[in-house]
Amino acid sequence: MSSSTTELVLTWQFDAQDMRKAELWMSSPEGETERLKLYYFATYDRISTYYRWNLKTGRYENAGSIEWTSPWNIKLNLGIREVRLDTMARRNKPTSKLSLNDMRKQKLAPNDIEYKWRPVEGNAADLECLTVSGKKAVAYYQASDHTLTVQPRGEPILDDIVVLNLVHLYRRLAGVDFVLPNTAAGTTAV
């Protein structure tokens, strides 16, 4: 994706039988009727391979994979980084106990910049991705129309935003989003 000054508006389409089989469509510039399938997730058994449309080559590229062992145990292959979901959370203090809000500390850290996902205050069905300080929006998921809006600052980590948005939606369906198992390490930012 090239750097832009406008937000990127994407719409999820989920398979009726398995939401892990999904497509993410990019809205066209105003005046055009064509939409572009920017990502698709091919899921077989417990592995989803996700593909991203390369605007330069005009082809889909294998961008990574998700191993769905259970809603508690999800391993992400984010390009060259491989991480377990439970290691992407941080406690506020090293001595604090895990709580229902620990997944709010989930971070993305490409280029040493950290972001966090959390439910939107006043509308927990929606999700927002913010800078760690919570002062700058990176992305926003609106549940009512399955729209993911990504701000220009989120473009460099678009794969991470897309994958973690899907993971959060899957975990919500399983009733465990923003909850960590007691075995979670909770010390590594990714």
C-alpha atoms as a PDB file:
ATOM      1  CA  MET A   1       0.000   0.000   0.000  1.00  0.00           C
ATOM      2  CA  SER A   2       1.265   3.470  -0.711  1.00  0.00           C
ATOM      3  CA  SER A   3       1.313   6.164   1.906  1.00  0.00           C
ATOM      4  CA  SER A   4      -1.806   8.303   1.838  1.00  0.00           C
ATOM      5  CA  THR A   5      -3.470  11.069   3.776  1.00  0.00           C
ATOM      6  CA  THR A   6      -6.947   9.569   3.759  1.00  0.00           C
ATOM      7  CA  GLU A   7      -8.358   6.719   5.768  1.00  0.00           C
ATOM      8  CA  LEU A   8      -8.719   3.279   4.249  1.00  0.00           C
ATOM      9  CA  VAL A   9     -12.245   1.864   4.516  1.00  0.00           C
ATOM     10  CA  LEU A  10     -12.490  -1.930   4.430  1.00  0.00           C
ATOM     11  CA  THR A  11     -15.527  -4.185   4.745  1.00  0.00           C
ATOM     12  CA  TRP A  12     -15.459  -7.744   6.074  1.00  0.00           C
ATOM     13  CA  GLN A  13     -17.439 -10.538   4.407  1.00  0.00           C
ATOM     14  CA  PHE A  14     -17.601 -13.679   6.524  1.00  0.00           C
ATOM     15  CA  ASP A  15     -18.461 -17.219   5.517  1.00  0.00           C
ATOM     16  CA  ALA A  16     -21.806 -18.184   7.074  1.00  0.00           C
ATOM     17  CA  GLN A  17     -20.393 -21.478   8.446  1.00  0.00           C
ATOM     18  CA  ASP A  18     -16.947 -20.342   9.618  1.00  0.00           C
ATOM     19  CA  MET A  19     -16.031 -16.684  10.157  1.00  0.00           C
ATOM     20  CA  ARG A  20     -12.327 -17.579   9.817  1.00  0.00           C
ATOM     21  CA  LYS A  21     -13.040 -17.950   6.086  1.00  0.00           C
ATOM     22  CA  ALA A  22     -13.286 -14.272   5.333  1.00  0.00           C
ATOM     23  CA  GLU A  23     -12.649 -11.615   2.737  1.00  0.00           C
ATOM     24  CA  LEU A  24     -11.824  -7.976   3.307  1.00  0.00           C
ATOM     25  CA  TRP A  25     -12.938  -5.582   0.587  1.00  0.00           C
ATOM     26  CA  MET A  26     -11.576  -2.103  -0.002  1.00  0.00           C
ATOM     27  CA  SER A  27     -14.044   0.598  -0.942  1.00  0.00           C
ATOM     28  CA  SER A  28     -13.422   2.236  -4.289  1.00  0.00           C
ATOM     29  CA  PRO A  29     -12.613   5.885  -4.744  1.00  0.00           C
ATOM     30  CA  GLU A  30     -15.713   8.012  -5.098  1.00  0.00           C
ATOM     31  CA  GLY A  31     -17.430   7.652  -8.436  1.00  0.00           C
ATOM     32  CA  GLU A  32     -16.222   4.095  -9.060  1.00  0.00           C
ATOM     33  CA  THR A  33     -18.417   1.057  -8.544  1.00  0.00           C
ATOM     34  CA  GLU A  34     -15.724  -1.629  -8.426  1.00  0.00           C
ATOM     35  CA  ARG A  35     -14.447  -2.830  -5.071  1.00  0.00           C
ATOM     36  CA  LEU A  36     -11.119  -4.560  -4.542  1.00  0.00           C
ATOM     37  CA  LYS A  37     -10.758  -7.736  -2.483  1.00  0.00           C
ATOM     38  CA  LEU A  38      -7.664  -6.657  -0.548  1.00  0.00           C
ATOM     39  CA  TYR A  39      -7.381  -9.749   1.717  1.00  0.00           C
ATOM     40  CA  TYR A  40      -8.824 -13.227   1.850  1.00  0.00           C
ATOM     41  CA  PHE A  41      -8.440 -15.936   4.461  1.00  0.00           C
ATOM     42  CA  ALA A  42      -8.410 -19.585   3.328  1.00  0.00           C
ATOM     43  CA  THR A  43      -9.098 -21.811   6.333  1.00  0.00           C
ATOM     44  CA  TYR A  44      -8.624 -25.569   6.434  1.00  0.00           C
ATOM     45  CA  ASP A  45      -9.038 -27.365   9.725  1.00  0.00           C
ATOM     46  CA  ARG A  46      -7.210 -25.198  12.273  1.00  0.00           C
ATOM     47  CA  ILE A  47      -4.988 -23.162   9.954  1.00  0.00           C
ATOM     48  CA  SER A  48      -5.907 -19.976   8.111  1.00  0.00           C
ATOM     49  CA  THR A  49      -3.566 -18.715   5.446  1.00  0.00           C
ATOM     50  CA  TYR A  50      -4.183 -15.123   4.541  1.00  0.00           C
ATOM     51  CA  TYR A  51      -3.436 -13.491   1.236  1.00  0.00           C
ATOM     52  CA  ARG A  52      -3.004  -9.800   0.411  1.00  0.00           C
ATOM     53  CA  TRP A  53      -3.525  -8.225  -2.987  1.00  0.00           C
ATOM     54  CA  ASN A  54      -0.285  -6.679  -4.266  1.00  0.00           C
ATOM     55  CA  LEU A  55      -1.180  -3.485  -6.121  1.00  0.00           C
ATOM     56  CA  LYS A  56       2.143  -3.464  -8.011  1.00  0.00           C
ATOM     57  CA  THR A  57       2.067  -7.037  -9.333  1.00  0.00           C
ATOM     58  CA  GLY A  58      -1.725  -7.431  -9.583  1.00  0.00           C
ATOM     59  CA  ARG A  59      -1.565 -10.764  -7.722  1.00  0.00           C
ATOM     60  CA  TYR A  60      -2.362 -12.169  -4.305  1.00  0.00           C
ATOM     61  CA  GLU A  61       0.610 -12.886  -2.044  1.00  0.00           C
ATOM     62  CA  ASN A  62       0.751 -15.246   0.902  1.00  0.00           C
ATOM     63  CA  ALA A  63       1.040 -12.748   3.774  1.00  0.00           C
ATOM     64  CA  GLY A  64       0.982 -15.111   6.752  1.00  0.00           C
ATOM     65  CA  SER A  65      -1.072 -17.611   8.715  1.00  0.00           C
ATOM     66  CA  ILE A  66      -3.084 -18.116  11.869  1.00  0.00           C
ATOM     67  CA  GLU A  67      -3.079 -21.374  13.829  1.00  0.00           C
ATOM     68  CA  TRP A  68      -6.382 -21.655  15.729  1.00  0.00           C
ATOM     69  CA  THR A  69      -5.668 -24.399  18.282  1.00  0.00           C
ATOM     70  CA  SER A  70      -8.333 -22.912  20.581  1.00  0.00           C
ATOM     71  CA  PRO A  71      -9.690 -19.437  21.344  1.00  0.00           C
ATOM     72  CA  TRP A  72      -7.074 -19.344  24.121  1.00  0.00           C
ATOM     73  CA  ASN A  73      -4.195 -20.659  22.058  1.00  0.00           C
ATOM     74  CA  ILE A  74      -3.753 -18.806  18.780  1.00  0.00           C
ATOM     75  CA  LYS A  75      -0.400 -18.555  17.010  1.00  0.00           C
ATOM     76  CA  LEU A  76       0.094 -15.788  14.458  1.00  0.00           C
ATOM     77  CA  ASN A  77       2.557 -15.758  11.608  1.00  0.00           C
ATOM     78  CA  LEU A  78       2.719 -12.056  10.762  1.00  0.00           C
ATOM     79  CA  GLY A  79       5.097 -12.114   7.827  1.00  0.00           C
ATOM     80  CA  ILE A  80       8.518 -12.759   9.350  1.00  0.00           C
ATOM     81  CA  ARG A  81       7.279 -12.532  12.963  1.00  0.00           C
ATOM     82  CA  GLU A  82       5.687 -15.488  14.695  1.00  0.00           C
ATOM     83  CA  VAL A  83       3.923 -14.813  17.989  1.00  0.00           C
ATOM     84  CA  ARG A  84       1.439 -16.444  20.314  1.00  0.00           C
ATOM     85  CA  LEU A  85      -1.564 -14.327  21.171  1.00  0.00           C
ATOM     86  CA  ASP A  86      -1.149 -14.775  24.913  1.00  0.00           C
ATOM     87  CA  THR A  87       2.324 -13.208  24.788  1.00  0.00           C
ATOM     88  CA  MET A  88       0.966 -10.027  23.220  1.00  0.00           C
ATOM     89  CA  ALA A  89      -0.603  -8.770  26.447  1.00  0.00           C
ATOM     90  CA  ARG A  90       0.984  -6.799  29.240  1.00  0.00           C
ATOM     91  CA  ARG A  91      -0.031  -6.305  32.792  1.00  0.00           C
ATOM     92  CA  ASN A  92      -0.062  -2.730  34.066  1.00  0.00           C
ATOM     93  CA  LYS A  93       2.511  -3.716  36.706  1.00  0.00           C
ATOM     94  CA  PRO A  94       4.662  -6.853  36.885  1.00  0.00           C
ATOM     95  CA  THR A  95       3.029  -7.764  40.206  1.00  0.00           C
ATOM     96  CA  SER A  96      -0.572  -7.280  39.073  1.00  0.00           C
ATOM     97  CA  LYS A  97      -2.897 -10.231  38.513  1.00  0.00           C
ATOM     98  CA  LEU A  98      -4.463 -11.071  35.182  1.00  0.00           C
ATOM     99  CA  SER A  99      -7.967  -9.691  34.862  1.00  0.00           C
ATOM    100  CA  LEU A 100     -10.751  -9.485  32.321  1.00  0.00           C
ATOM    101  CA  ASN A 101      -9.203  -6.309  30.932  1.00  0.00           C
ATOM    102  CA  ASP A 102      -5.712  -7.666  30.262  1.00  0.00           C
ATOM    103  CA  MET A 103      -6.283  -8.142  26.535  1.00  0.00           C
ATOM    104  CA  ARG A 104      -6.762  -4.383  26.341  1.00  0.00           C
ATOM    105  CA  LYS A 105      -3.007  -4.234  26.759  1.00  0.00           C
ATOM    106  CA  GLN A 106      -2.439  -6.199  23.562  1.00  0.00           C
ATOM    107  CA  LYS A 107       0.190  -4.479  21.511  1.00  0.00           C
ATOM    108  CA  LEU A 108       1.446  -4.444  17.960  1.00  0.00           C
ATOM    109  CA  ALA A 109       5.055  -3.367  17.828  1.00  0.00           C
ATOM    110  CA  PRO A 110       6.418  -3.168  14.308  1.00  0.00           C
ATOM    111  CA  ASN A 111       9.215  -0.620  14.065  1.00  0.00           C
ATOM    112  CA  ASP A 112       9.212  -0.355  17.879  1.00  0.00           C
ATOM    113  CA  ILE A 113       5.853   1.475  17.886  1.00  0.00           C
ATOM    114  CA  GLU A 114       3.170  -0.030  20.098  1.00  0.00           C
ATOM    115  CA  TYR A 115      -0.575  -0.028  19.579  1.00  0.00           C
ATOM    116  CA  LYS A 116      -3.452  -1.537  21.518  1.00  0.00           C
ATOM    117  CA  TRP A 117      -6.931  -2.850  20.725  1.00  0.00           C
ATOM    118  CA  ARG A 118      -9.833  -2.264  23.074  1.00  0.00           C
ATOM    119  CA  PRO A 119     -13.637  -2.188  23.045  1.00  0.00           C
ATOM    120  CA  VAL A 120     -15.069   1.253  22.340  1.00  0.00           C
ATOM    121  CA  GLU A 121     -16.275   2.956  25.494  1.00  0.00           C
ATOM    122  CA  GLY A 122     -20.055   3.212  25.408  1.00  0.00           C
ATOM    123  CA  ASN A 123     -20.338   0.746  22.511  1.00  0.00           C
ATOM    124  CA  ALA A 124     -18.509  -2.485  23.386  1.00  0.00           C
ATOM    125  CA  ALA A 125     -19.600  -4.142  20.119  1.00  0.00           C
ATOM    126  CA  ASP A 126     -17.126  -1.902  18.276  1.00  0.00           C
ATOM    127  CA  LEU A 127     -13.341  -2.053  18.600  1.00  0.00           C
ATOM    128  CA  GLU A 128     -10.662   0.588  18.318  1.00  0.00           C
ATOM    129  CA  CYS A 129      -6.929   0.339  17.810  1.00  0.00           C
ATOM    130  CA  LEU A 130      -5.009   3.196  19.397  1.00  0.00           C
ATOM    131  CA  THR A 131      -1.455   4.242  20.082  1.00  0.00           C
ATOM    132  CA  VAL A 132      -0.379   3.039  23.531  1.00  0.00           C
ATOM    133  CA  SER A 133      -0.965   6.509  24.957  1.00  0.00           C
ATOM    134  CA  GLY A 134      -4.561   6.208  23.768  1.00  0.00           C
ATOM    135  CA  LYS A 135      -4.340   9.632  22.166  1.00  0.00           C
ATOM    136  CA  LYS A 136      -4.169   8.708  18.481  1.00  0.00           C
ATOM    137  CA  ALA A 137      -6.563   6.466  16.576  1.00  0.00           C
ATOM    138  CA  VAL A 138      -5.058   3.855  14.294  1.00  0.00           C
ATOM    139  CA  ALA A 139      -8.134   1.814  13.277  1.00  0.00           C
ATOM    140  CA  TYR A 140     -11.807   1.415  14.151  1.00  0.00           C
ATOM    141  CA  TYR A 141     -14.052  -1.633  13.672  1.00  0.00           C
ATOM    142  CA  GLN A 142     -17.795  -0.949  13.453  1.00  0.00           C
ATOM    143  CA  ALA A 143     -19.752  -4.119  14.193  1.00  0.00           C
ATOM    144  CA  SER A 144     -23.064  -2.970  12.705  1.00  0.00           C
ATOM    145  CA  ASP A 145     -21.736  -3.026   9.134  1.00  0.00           C
ATOM    146  CA  HIS A 146     -18.481  -5.023   9.585  1.00  0.00           C
ATOM    147  CA  THR A 147     -16.410  -2.011   8.540  1.00  0.00           C
ATOM    148  CA  LEU A 148     -12.751  -1.591   9.462  1.00  0.00           C
ATOM    149  CA  THR A 149     -11.506   1.970   8.992  1.00  0.00           C
ATOM    150  CA  VAL A 150      -7.718   2.389   9.078  1.00  0.00           C
ATOM    151  CA  GLN A 151      -6.063   5.770   9.569  1.00  0.00           C
ATOM    152  CA  PRO A 152      -2.955   6.626   7.487  1.00  0.00           C
ATOM    153  CA  ARG A 153      -0.701   5.975  10.526  1.00  0.00           C
ATOM    154  CA  GLY A 154      -1.963   2.363  10.465  1.00  0.00           C
ATOM    155  CA  GLU A 155      -0.921   1.645   6.887  1.00  0.00           C
ATOM    156  CA  PRO A 156       2.579   0.357   7.785  1.00  0.00           C
ATOM    157  CA  ILE A 157       1.004  -2.261  10.073  1.00  0.00           C
ATOM    158  CA  LEU A 158      -2.065  -3.011   7.959  1.00  0.00           C
ATOM    159  CA  ASP A 159      -1.503  -6.796   8.004  1.00  0.00           C
ATOM    160  CA  ASP A 160      -1.290  -6.759  11.811  1.00  0.00           C
ATOM    161  CA  ILE A 161      -4.424  -4.631  12.126  1.00  0.00           C
ATOM    162  CA  VAL A 162      -6.420  -6.867   9.786  1.00  0.00           C
ATOM    163  CA  VAL A 163      -5.283 -10.142  11.368  1.00  0.00           C
ATOM    164  CA  LEU A 164      -5.798  -9.004  14.956  1.00  0.00           C
ATOM    165  CA  ASN A 165      -9.209  -7.572  14.106  1.00  0.00           C
ATOM    166  CA  LEU A 166     -10.263 -10.987  12.791  1.00  0.00           C
ATOM    167  CA  VAL A 167      -8.770 -12.723  15.842  1.00  0.00           C
ATOM    168  CA  HIS A 168     -10.700 -10.439  18.194  1.00  0.00           C
ATOM    169  CA  LEU A 169     -13.930 -11.077  16.300  1.00  0.00           C
ATOM    170  CA  TYR A 170     -13.371 -14.849  16.429  1.00  0.00           C
ATOM    171  CA  ARG A 171     -12.595 -14.738  20.153  1.00  0.00           C
ATOM    172  CA  ARG A 172     -15.713 -12.631  20.762  1.00  0.00           C
ATOM    173  CA  LEU A 173     -17.814 -15.259  19.041  1.00  0.00           C
ATOM    174  CA  ALA A 174     -16.236 -17.822  21.382  1.00  0.00           C
ATOM    175  CA  GLY A 175     -16.978 -15.578  24.374  1.00  0.00           C
ATOM    176  CA  VAL A 176     -13.355 -15.042  25.408  1.00  0.00           C
ATOM    177  CA  ASP A 177     -12.269 -11.758  23.846  1.00  0.00           C
ATOM    178  CA  PHE A 178     -10.238  -9.518  26.144  1.00  0.00           C
ATOM    179  CA  VAL A 179      -9.781 -12.416  28.559  1.00  0.00           C
ATOM    180  CA  LEU A 180      -6.498 -14.274  29.048  1.00  0.00           C
ATOM    181  CA  PRO A 181      -5.945 -17.721  30.505  1.00  0.00           C
ATOM    182  CA  ASN A 182      -4.098 -17.842  33.820  1.00  0.00           C
ATOM    183  CA  THR A 183      -1.107 -19.361  32.016  1.00  0.00           C
ATOM    184  CA  ALA A 184      -0.570 -16.273  29.832  1.00  0.00           C
ATOM    185  CA  ALA A 185       2.929 -14.915  30.043  1.00  0.00           C
ATOM    186  CA  GLY A 186       1.725 -11.376  29.518  1.00  0.00           C
ATOM    187  CA  THR A 187       5.202  -9.872  29.385  1.00  0.00           C
ATOM    188  CA  THR A 188       6.117  -9.448  25.739  1.00  0.00           C
ATOM    189  CA  ALA A 189       4.963  -6.614  23.522  1.00  0.00           C
ATOM    190  CA  VAL A 190       4.666  -7.525  19.875  1.00  0.00           C
END
